[in-house]
Amino acid sequence: MRTELKKAIIDFIFANINYFGLTNHTVDNFRQYIYTPEGEHCFGGKEVHDFISQAEKLIKSELS
């Protein structure tokens, strides 16, 4: 996964840290990197989805 995408995801999480359902909100925002129009995972899409989940958990645990 590209560093620019990781940074964009992290920036998005910090900007929306108090949003209820942040993981789903982040996935929706970066959907084009995760799923094809048919709903299948893009190449590397699962990695992006997993990164979003792990980044949110890490960031929220550090802010608690």
C-alpha atoms as a PDB file:
ATOM      1  CA  MET A   1       0.000   0.000   0.000  1.00  0.00           C
ATOM      2  CA  ARG A   2       1.340   3.422  -0.929  1.00  0.00           C
ATOM      3  CA  THR A   3       2.563   5.780   1.772  1.00  0.00           C
ATOM      4  CA  GLU A   4       0.346   8.566   0.413  1.00  0.00           C
ATOM      5  CA  LEU A   5      -2.751   6.406   0.893  1.00  0.00           C
ATOM      6  CA  LYS A   6      -1.723   5.483   4.433  1.00  0.00           C
ATOM      7  CA  LYS A   7      -1.196   9.149   5.278  1.00  0.00           C
ATOM      8  CA  ALA A   8      -4.569  10.101   3.771  1.00  0.00           C
ATOM      9  CA  ILE A   9      -6.295   7.395   5.835  1.00  0.00           C
ATOM     10  CA  ILE A  10      -4.573   8.468   9.049  1.00  0.00           C
ATOM     11  CA  ASP A  11      -5.360  12.140   8.395  1.00  0.00           C
ATOM     12  CA  PHE A  12      -9.001  11.220   7.739  1.00  0.00           C
ATOM     13  CA  ILE A  13      -9.193   9.244  10.990  1.00  0.00           C
ATOM     14  CA  PHE A  14      -7.748  12.127  13.019  1.00  0.00           C
ATOM     15  CA  ALA A  15     -10.101  14.618  11.346  1.00  0.00           C
ATOM     16  CA  ASN A  16     -13.116  12.429  12.182  1.00  0.00           C
ATOM     17  CA  ILE A  17     -11.940  10.863  15.460  1.00  0.00           C
ATOM     18  CA  ASN A  18     -15.254  11.465  17.286  1.00  0.00           C
ATOM     19  CA  TYR A  19     -17.443  10.216  14.426  1.00  0.00           C
ATOM     20  CA  PHE A  20     -19.686   7.347  15.520  1.00  0.00           C
ATOM     21  CA  GLY A  21     -18.889   4.307  13.372  1.00  0.00           C
ATOM     22  CA  LEU A  22     -15.528   5.687  12.325  1.00  0.00           C
ATOM     23  CA  THR A  23     -14.279   2.470  10.721  1.00  0.00           C
ATOM     24  CA  ASN A  24     -17.314   2.199   8.453  1.00  0.00           C
ATOM     25  CA  HIS A  25     -17.168   5.926   7.686  1.00  0.00           C
ATOM     26  CA  THR A  26     -13.490   5.608   6.739  1.00  0.00           C
ATOM     27  CA  VAL A  27     -14.114   2.508   4.615  1.00  0.00           C
ATOM     28  CA  ASP A  28     -16.920   4.358   2.800  1.00  0.00           C
ATOM     29  CA  ASN A  29     -14.612   7.294   2.138  1.00  0.00           C
ATOM     30  CA  PHE A  30     -11.844   5.051   0.722  1.00  0.00           C
ATOM     31  CA  ARG A  31     -14.167   2.514  -0.925  1.00  0.00           C
ATOM     32  CA  GLN A  32     -12.601   2.980  -4.389  1.00  0.00           C
ATOM     33  CA  TYR A  33      -9.309   1.569  -2.999  1.00  0.00           C
ATOM     34  CA  ILE A  34     -11.023  -1.425  -1.387  1.00  0.00           C
ATOM     35  CA  TYR A  35     -13.842  -2.633  -3.647  1.00  0.00           C
ATOM     36  CA  THR A  36     -14.511  -2.896  -7.372  1.00  0.00           C
ATOM     37  CA  PRO A  37     -17.838  -1.578  -8.728  1.00  0.00           C
ATOM     38  CA  GLU A  38     -19.061  -5.193  -8.567  1.00  0.00           C
ATOM     39  CA  GLY A  39     -18.377  -5.323  -4.814  1.00  0.00           C
ATOM     40  CA  GLU A  40     -15.318  -7.564  -4.964  1.00  0.00           C
ATOM     41  CA  HIS A  41     -12.053  -6.663  -3.244  1.00  0.00           C
ATOM     42  CA  CYS A  42      -9.614  -4.772  -5.451  1.00  0.00           C
ATOM     43  CA  PHE A  43      -6.066  -6.059  -5.623  1.00  0.00           C
ATOM     44  CA  GLY A  44      -4.737  -5.015  -2.218  1.00  0.00           C
ATOM     45  CA  GLY A  45      -8.204  -3.942  -1.059  1.00  0.00           C
ATOM     46  CA  LYS A  46      -8.240  -6.298   1.906  1.00  0.00           C
ATOM     47  CA  GLU A  47      -4.925  -4.810   3.023  1.00  0.00           C
ATOM     48  CA  VAL A  48      -6.425  -1.301   2.877  1.00  0.00           C
ATOM     49  CA  HIS A  49      -9.470  -2.421   4.865  1.00  0.00           C
ATOM     50  CA  ASP A  50      -7.294  -4.100   7.498  1.00  0.00           C
ATOM     51  CA  PHE A  51      -5.058  -1.025   7.717  1.00  0.00           C
ATOM     52  CA  ILE A  52      -8.093   1.186   8.380  1.00  0.00           C
ATOM     53  CA  SER A  53      -9.296  -1.089  11.185  1.00  0.00           C
ATOM     54  CA  GLN A  54      -5.879  -1.354  12.815  1.00  0.00           C
ATOM     55  CA  ALA A  55      -5.083   2.361  12.476  1.00  0.00           C
ATOM     56  CA  GLU A  56      -8.361   3.355  14.113  1.00  0.00           C
ATOM     57  CA  LYS A  57      -7.797   0.964  17.031  1.00  0.00           C
ATOM     58  CA  LEU A  58      -4.240   2.179  17.537  1.00  0.00           C
ATOM     59  CA  ILE A  59      -5.105   5.879  17.324  1.00  0.00           C
ATOM     60  CA  LYS A  60      -8.110   5.586  19.643  1.00  0.00           C
ATOM     61  CA  SER A  61      -6.141   3.539  22.198  1.00  0.00           C
ATOM     62  CA  GLU A  62      -3.386   6.158  22.236  1.00  0.00           C
ATOM     63  CA  LEU A  63      -5.902   8.974  22.788  1.00  0.00           C
ATOM     64  CA  SER A  64      -7.696   7.197  25.655  1.00  0.00           C
END
